[in-house]
Amino acid sequence: QVQLVESGGGLVQAGGSLRLSCAASGRTFSSYAMGWFRQAPGKEREFVAAIRWSSLSTLYADSVKGRLTISRDNAKNTVSLQMNSLKPEDTAVYYCAARSGVASMNPHEYNYWGQGTQVTVSS
């Protein structure tokens, strides 16, 4: 069982930066692939980034490549999302998720979810 708690969301101007963090409970955190997803009002939840347990493999949505960076610290049971050059279209609730196995872009393959943190980018 894994419990996830996100933090770090807020209001930022376009071009600014935010760093989201996800704290995980559970002794087997290091064996899980972790992902970040987001959901804007009236839209489906979409993939943002994912990282394998070993940190040697990462996946990114095309819309965030070069601007957002996912990382993890297995010793601290945390996964982070550094967001730079933010755009108004990045506005959404951001969710952290965990799954056994390899990193995936498919939200249906994730077993555990956090409660989400709001990110708002003003123009």
N, C-alpha and C. Protein backbone atom coordinates (compact mmCIF):
# COMPACT_ATOMS: atom_id res chain seq x y z
N GLN A 1 0.85 -1.19 0.00
CA GLN A 1 0.00 0.00 0.00
C GLN A 1 0.89 1.25 0.00
N VAL A 2 0.52 2.21 -0.81
CA VAL A 2 1.27 3.46 -0.91
C VAL A 2 0.30 4.63 -0.76
N GLN A 3 0.64 5.57 0.08
CA GLN A 3 -0.13 6.80 0.20
C GLN A 3 0.70 7.96 -0.31
N LEU A 4 0.07 8.84 -1.06
CA LEU A 4 0.77 9.93 -1.74
C LEU A 4 0.16 11.27 -1.35
N VAL A 5 1.03 12.24 -1.06
CA VAL A 5 0.57 13.58 -0.71
C VAL A 5 1.38 14.60 -1.50
N GLU A 6 0.68 15.37 -2.34
CA GLU A 6 1.34 16.39 -3.16
C GLU A 6 1.40 17.72 -2.42
N SER A 7 2.37 18.53 -2.81
CA SER A 7 2.49 19.89 -2.29
C SER A 7 3.24 20.74 -3.30
N GLY A 8 3.19 22.06 -3.10
CA GLY A 8 3.97 22.95 -3.94
C GLY A 8 3.21 23.70 -5.00
N GLY A 9 1.93 23.42 -5.13
CA GLY A 9 1.15 24.16 -6.12
C GLY A 9 0.94 25.60 -5.72
N GLY A 10 0.40 26.39 -6.64
CA GLY A 10 0.14 27.80 -6.35
C GLY A 10 -0.14 28.58 -7.60
N LEU A 11 -0.10 29.90 -7.43
CA LEU A 11 -0.34 30.83 -8.53
C LEU A 11 0.98 31.43 -8.97
N VAL A 12 1.23 31.41 -10.27
CA VAL A 12 2.47 31.95 -10.81
C VAL A 12 2.18 32.63 -12.14
N GLN A 13 2.97 33.62 -12.48
CA GLN A 13 2.81 34.28 -13.77
C GLN A 13 3.43 33.45 -14.88
N ALA A 14 2.94 33.66 -16.08
CA ALA A 14 3.50 32.97 -17.24
C ALA A 14 5.01 33.24 -17.31
N GLY A 15 5.76 32.18 -17.61
CA GLY A 15 7.21 32.28 -17.65
C GLY A 15 7.88 31.95 -16.33
N GLY A 16 7.09 31.83 -15.28
CA GLY A 16 7.62 31.54 -13.97
C GLY A 16 7.85 30.06 -13.74
N SER A 17 8.23 29.75 -12.50
CA SER A 17 8.56 28.37 -12.13
C SER A 17 7.86 27.95 -10.85
N LEU A 18 7.62 26.66 -10.76
CA LEU A 18 7.11 26.04 -9.54
C LEU A 18 7.76 24.67 -9.41
N ARG A 19 7.84 24.21 -8.18
CA ARG A 19 8.35 22.86 -7.94
C ARG A 19 7.31 22.10 -7.12
N LEU A 20 6.78 21.05 -7.71
CA LEU A 20 5.83 20.19 -7.01
C LEU A 20 6.57 19.03 -6.36
N SER A 21 6.09 18.64 -5.20
CA SER A 21 6.66 17.48 -4.52
C SER A 21 5.56 16.50 -4.17
N CYS A 22 5.93 15.25 -4.10
CA CYS A 22 4.99 14.20 -3.72
C CYS A 22 5.69 13.33 -2.69
N ALA A 23 5.13 13.29 -1.51
CA ALA A 23 5.68 12.47 -0.43
C ALA A 23 4.92 11.15 -0.37
N ALA A 24 5.65 10.06 -0.36
CA ALA A 24 5.03 8.74 -0.38
C ALA A 24 5.31 7.99 0.91
N SER A 25 4.33 7.26 1.36
CA SER A 25 4.52 6.37 2.51
C SER A 25 4.61 4.95 1.99
N GLY A 26 5.21 4.09 2.74
CA GLY A 26 5.34 2.71 2.31
C GLY A 26 6.78 2.32 2.15
N ARG A 27 7.11 1.15 2.63
CA ARG A 27 8.51 0.73 2.61
C ARG A 27 9.00 0.35 1.24
N THR A 28 8.09 0.12 0.29
CA THR A 28 8.52 -0.34 -1.03
C THR A 28 8.45 0.76 -2.07
N PHE A 29 8.53 2.01 -1.64
CA PHE A 29 8.44 3.13 -2.57
C PHE A 29 9.44 2.99 -3.71
N SER A 30 10.64 2.56 -3.42
CA SER A 30 11.68 2.52 -4.43
C SER A 30 11.38 1.52 -5.54
N SER A 31 10.44 0.63 -5.33
CA SER A 31 10.13 -0.36 -6.36
C SER A 31 9.01 0.10 -7.30
N TYR A 32 8.42 1.26 -7.03
CA TYR A 32 7.31 1.75 -7.83
C TYR A 32 7.76 2.76 -8.88
N ALA A 33 7.15 2.68 -10.04
CA ALA A 33 7.27 3.77 -11.01
C ALA A 33 6.32 4.88 -10.56
N MET A 34 6.75 6.11 -10.76
CA MET A 34 5.96 7.27 -10.33
C MET A 34 5.61 8.14 -11.52
N GLY A 35 4.42 8.71 -11.47
CA GLY A 35 3.99 9.57 -12.57
C GLY A 35 3.33 10.82 -12.06
N TRP A 36 3.35 11.85 -12.90
CA TRP A 36 2.59 13.07 -12.67
C TRP A 36 1.57 13.20 -13.79
N PHE A 37 0.36 13.51 -13.40
CA PHE A 37 -0.73 13.75 -14.34
C PHE A 37 -1.38 15.06 -13.98
N ARG A 38 -2.17 15.59 -14.90
CA ARG A 38 -2.89 16.84 -14.61
C ARG A 38 -4.27 16.81 -15.23
N GLN A 39 -5.15 17.58 -14.63
CA GLN A 39 -6.51 17.66 -15.13
C GLN A 39 -7.00 19.10 -15.03
N ALA A 40 -7.32 19.65 -16.18
CA ALA A 40 -7.88 21.00 -16.25
C ALA A 40 -9.40 20.91 -16.24
N PRO A 41 -10.08 21.98 -15.83
CA PRO A 41 -11.55 21.97 -15.79
C PRO A 41 -12.15 21.57 -17.13
N GLY A 42 -13.06 20.61 -17.10
CA GLY A 42 -13.74 20.19 -18.30
C GLY A 42 -12.93 19.29 -19.22
N LYS A 43 -11.74 18.91 -18.78
CA LYS A 43 -10.89 18.06 -19.61
C LYS A 43 -10.56 16.76 -18.88
N GLU A 44 -10.14 15.78 -19.66
CA GLU A 44 -9.74 14.51 -19.08
C GLU A 44 -8.35 14.63 -18.44
N ARG A 45 -8.10 13.72 -17.53
CA ARG A 45 -6.78 13.69 -16.91
C ARG A 45 -5.75 13.29 -17.96
N GLU A 46 -4.63 14.00 -17.99
CA GLU A 46 -3.62 13.73 -19.00
C GLU A 46 -2.25 13.51 -18.37
N PHE A 47 -1.46 12.74 -19.08
CA PHE A 47 -0.12 12.40 -18.64
C PHE A 47 0.79 13.62 -18.76
N VAL A 48 1.69 13.76 -17.77
CA VAL A 48 2.69 14.83 -17.79
C VAL A 48 4.10 14.25 -17.85
N ALA A 49 4.44 13.40 -16.87
CA ALA A 49 5.79 12.84 -16.80
C ALA A 49 5.77 11.60 -15.93
N ALA A 50 6.75 10.73 -16.15
CA ALA A 50 6.86 9.52 -15.33
C ALA A 50 8.32 9.14 -15.21
N ILE A 51 8.61 8.41 -14.14
CA ILE A 51 10.00 8.01 -13.88
C ILE A 51 10.01 6.60 -13.33
N ARG A 52 10.95 5.83 -13.82
CA ARG A 52 11.12 4.46 -13.35
C ARG A 52 11.74 4.45 -11.96
N TRP A 53 11.62 3.36 -11.26
CA TRP A 53 12.12 3.27 -9.91
C TRP A 53 13.59 3.60 -9.82
N SER A 54 14.35 3.26 -10.85
CA SER A 54 15.79 3.45 -10.82
C SER A 54 16.22 4.85 -11.25
N SER A 55 15.26 5.68 -11.69
CA SER A 55 15.53 7.02 -12.21
C SER A 55 16.29 7.01 -13.52
N LEU A 56 16.55 5.84 -14.08
CA LEU A 56 17.30 5.77 -15.33
C LEU A 56 16.41 5.95 -16.55
N SER A 57 15.10 5.91 -16.34
CA SER A 57 14.19 6.05 -17.47
C SER A 57 13.10 7.04 -17.11
N THR A 58 12.92 8.03 -17.97
CA THR A 58 11.86 9.02 -17.77
C THR A 58 11.03 9.15 -19.04
N LEU A 59 9.78 9.55 -18.87
CA LEU A 59 8.87 9.80 -19.97
C LEU A 59 8.27 11.19 -19.79
N TYR A 60 8.03 11.88 -20.89
CA TYR A 60 7.42 13.20 -20.84
C TYR A 60 6.37 13.35 -21.94
N ALA A 61 5.33 14.08 -21.62
CA ALA A 61 4.40 14.49 -22.66
C ALA A 61 5.09 15.49 -23.57
N ASP A 62 4.77 15.48 -24.84
CA ASP A 62 5.41 16.39 -25.80
C ASP A 62 5.21 17.85 -25.38
N SER A 63 4.08 18.15 -24.79
CA SER A 63 3.75 19.53 -24.44
C SER A 63 4.61 20.09 -23.32
N VAL A 64 5.32 19.24 -22.58
CA VAL A 64 6.10 19.72 -21.45
C VAL A 64 7.60 19.46 -21.61
N LYS A 65 8.00 18.77 -22.65
CA LYS A 65 9.42 18.46 -22.85
C LYS A 65 10.24 19.73 -22.90
N GLY A 66 11.35 19.71 -22.17
CA GLY A 66 12.23 20.86 -22.14
C GLY A 66 11.85 21.91 -21.11
N ARG A 67 10.66 21.79 -20.52
CA ARG A 67 10.22 22.76 -19.52
C ARG A 67 10.02 22.13 -18.15
N LEU A 68 9.55 20.88 -18.14
CA LEU A 68 9.29 20.21 -16.87
C LEU A 68 10.27 19.05 -16.71
N THR A 69 10.69 18.82 -15.48
CA THR A 69 11.65 17.76 -15.19
C THR A 69 11.18 16.97 -13.97
N ILE A 70 11.10 15.65 -14.15
CA ILE A 70 10.71 14.78 -13.05
C ILE A 70 11.96 14.16 -12.43
N SER A 71 11.94 14.02 -11.12
CA SER A 71 13.06 13.38 -10.43
C SER A 71 12.52 12.70 -9.17
N ARG A 72 13.34 11.84 -8.61
CA ARG A 72 12.90 11.16 -7.39
C ARG A 72 14.07 10.94 -6.47
N ASP A 73 13.77 10.83 -5.19
CA ASP A 73 14.77 10.54 -4.17
C ASP A 73 14.22 9.36 -3.37
N ASN A 74 14.71 8.18 -3.67
CA ASN A 74 14.18 6.98 -3.02
C ASN A 74 14.52 6.94 -1.53
N ALA A 75 15.60 7.58 -1.14
CA ALA A 75 15.96 7.61 0.28
C ALA A 75 14.98 8.45 1.09
N LYS A 76 14.38 9.45 0.43
CA LYS A 76 13.43 10.33 1.11
C LYS A 76 11.98 10.02 0.74
N ASN A 77 11.78 9.03 -0.10
CA ASN A 77 10.42 8.67 -0.54
C ASN A 77 9.69 9.85 -1.16
N THR A 78 10.37 10.56 -2.03
CA THR A 78 9.74 11.71 -2.68
C THR A 78 9.98 11.69 -4.18
N VAL A 79 9.04 12.25 -4.89
CA VAL A 79 9.19 12.49 -6.32
C VAL A 79 8.81 13.95 -6.56
N SER A 80 9.55 14.61 -7.43
CA SER A 80 9.36 16.02 -7.66
C SER A 80 9.12 16.32 -9.14
N LEU A 81 8.51 17.44 -9.37
CA LEU A 81 8.29 17.92 -10.73
C LEU A 81 8.70 19.39 -10.76
N GLN A 82 9.85 19.66 -11.36
CA GLN A 82 10.32 21.03 -11.53
C GLN A 82 9.69 21.59 -12.80
N MET A 83 8.96 22.69 -12.65
CA MET A 83 8.23 23.26 -13.77
C MET A 83 8.77 24.65 -14.06
N ASN A 84 9.37 24.82 -15.23
CA ASN A 84 9.92 26.09 -15.67
C ASN A 84 9.18 26.59 -16.90
N SER A 85 9.34 27.86 -17.18
CA SER A 85 8.72 28.48 -18.36
C SER A 85 7.24 28.12 -18.45
N LEU A 86 6.55 28.30 -17.36
CA LEU A 86 5.15 27.89 -17.30
C LEU A 86 4.27 28.74 -18.21
N LYS A 87 3.24 28.09 -18.74
CA LYS A 87 2.31 28.73 -19.65
C LYS A 87 0.89 28.66 -19.05
N PRO A 88 0.01 29.54 -19.47
CA PRO A 88 -1.37 29.47 -18.96
C PRO A 88 -2.02 28.12 -19.20
N GLU A 89 -1.67 27.46 -20.29
CA GLU A 89 -2.25 26.14 -20.58
C GLU A 89 -1.74 25.04 -19.66
N ASP A 90 -0.78 25.36 -18.80
CA ASP A 90 -0.33 24.40 -17.79
C ASP A 90 -1.24 24.42 -16.56
N THR A 91 -2.18 25.35 -16.52
CA THR A 91 -3.09 25.45 -15.39
C THR A 91 -3.93 24.19 -15.26
N ALA A 92 -3.88 23.57 -14.09
CA ALA A 92 -4.60 22.31 -13.85
C ALA A 92 -4.37 21.88 -12.40
N VAL A 93 -5.10 20.86 -12.02
CA VAL A 93 -4.77 20.14 -10.78
C VAL A 93 -3.77 19.05 -11.15
N TYR A 94 -2.67 19.02 -10.43
CA TYR A 94 -1.61 18.06 -10.71
C TYR A 94 -1.66 16.94 -9.68
N TYR A 95 -1.60 15.71 -10.21
CA TYR A 95 -1.69 14.52 -9.38
C TYR A 95 -0.42 13.69 -9.48
N CYS A 96 -0.02 13.16 -8.36
CA CYS A 96 1.07 12.21 -8.29
C CYS A 96 0.46 10.81 -8.26
N ALA A 97 1.11 9.85 -8.91
CA ALA A 97 0.58 8.49 -8.96
C ALA A 97 1.71 7.48 -8.92
N ALA A 98 1.37 6.27 -8.48
CA ALA A 98 2.38 5.21 -8.36
C ALA A 98 1.83 3.91 -8.94
N ARG A 99 2.74 3.13 -9.50
CA ARG A 99 2.35 1.82 -10.01
C ARG A 99 3.53 0.86 -9.89
N SER A 100 3.23 -0.41 -9.77
CA SER A 100 4.27 -1.42 -9.83
C SER A 100 4.67 -1.61 -11.27
N GLY A 101 5.95 -1.82 -11.51
CA GLY A 101 6.38 -2.07 -12.87
C GLY A 101 7.02 -0.85 -13.51
N VAL A 102 7.00 -0.81 -14.81
CA VAL A 102 7.70 0.24 -15.55
C VAL A 102 6.86 1.51 -15.59
N ALA A 103 7.50 2.61 -15.90
CA ALA A 103 6.80 3.87 -16.04
C ALA A 103 5.83 3.80 -17.22
N SER A 104 4.71 4.45 -17.09
CA SER A 104 3.67 4.38 -18.11
C SER A 104 3.00 5.74 -18.29
N MET A 105 2.50 5.99 -19.50
CA MET A 105 1.76 7.22 -19.79
C MET A 105 0.26 7.03 -19.55
N ASN A 106 -0.15 5.82 -19.29
CA ASN A 106 -1.57 5.50 -19.17
C ASN A 106 -2.03 5.63 -17.72
N PRO A 107 -2.91 6.58 -17.43
CA PRO A 107 -3.34 6.76 -16.03
C PRO A 107 -4.06 5.53 -15.48
N HIS A 108 -4.67 4.73 -16.32
CA HIS A 108 -5.40 3.55 -15.85
C HIS A 108 -4.47 2.46 -15.33
N GLU A 109 -3.20 2.59 -15.60
CA GLU A 109 -2.23 1.59 -15.15
C GLU A 109 -1.63 1.93 -13.79
N TYR A 110 -2.06 3.05 -13.21
CA TYR A 110 -1.55 3.47 -11.91
C TYR A 110 -2.53 3.06 -10.81
N ASN A 111 -1.97 2.52 -9.74
CA ASN A 111 -2.80 1.97 -8.67
C ASN A 111 -3.08 2.96 -7.54
N TYR A 112 -2.16 3.90 -7.34
CA TYR A 112 -2.27 4.80 -6.19
C TYR A 112 -2.19 6.24 -6.67
N TRP A 113 -3.01 7.09 -6.04
CA TRP A 113 -3.10 8.49 -6.43
C TRP A 113 -3.11 9.39 -5.20
N GLY A 114 -2.51 10.57 -5.38
CA GLY A 114 -2.62 11.60 -4.36
C GLY A 114 -3.89 12.40 -4.55
N GLN A 115 -4.08 13.38 -3.69
CA GLN A 115 -5.31 14.18 -3.72
C GLN A 115 -5.23 15.34 -4.71
N GLY A 116 -4.04 15.64 -5.19
CA GLY A 116 -3.87 16.69 -6.18
C GLY A 116 -3.47 18.03 -5.57
N THR A 117 -2.80 18.84 -6.36
CA THR A 117 -2.43 20.19 -5.96
C THR A 117 -2.68 21.13 -7.15
N GLN A 118 -3.27 22.28 -6.86
CA GLN A 118 -3.66 23.20 -7.93
C GLN A 118 -2.47 24.05 -8.38
N VAL A 119 -2.31 24.12 -9.69
CA VAL A 119 -1.33 25.02 -10.30
C VAL A 119 -2.10 25.97 -11.22
N THR A 120 -1.92 27.25 -11.00
CA THR A 120 -2.58 28.26 -11.82
C THR A 120 -1.52 29.19 -12.39
N VAL A 121 -1.51 29.31 -13.72
CA VAL A 121 -0.55 30.17 -14.41
C VAL A 121 -1.32 31.32 -15.05
N SER A 122 -1.03 32.53 -14.61
CA SER A 122 -1.73 33.70 -15.14
C SER A 122 -0.96 34.28 -16.32
N SER A 123 -1.70 34.84 -17.25
CA SER A 123 -1.07 35.41 -18.45
C SER A 123 -0.71 36.86 -18.26
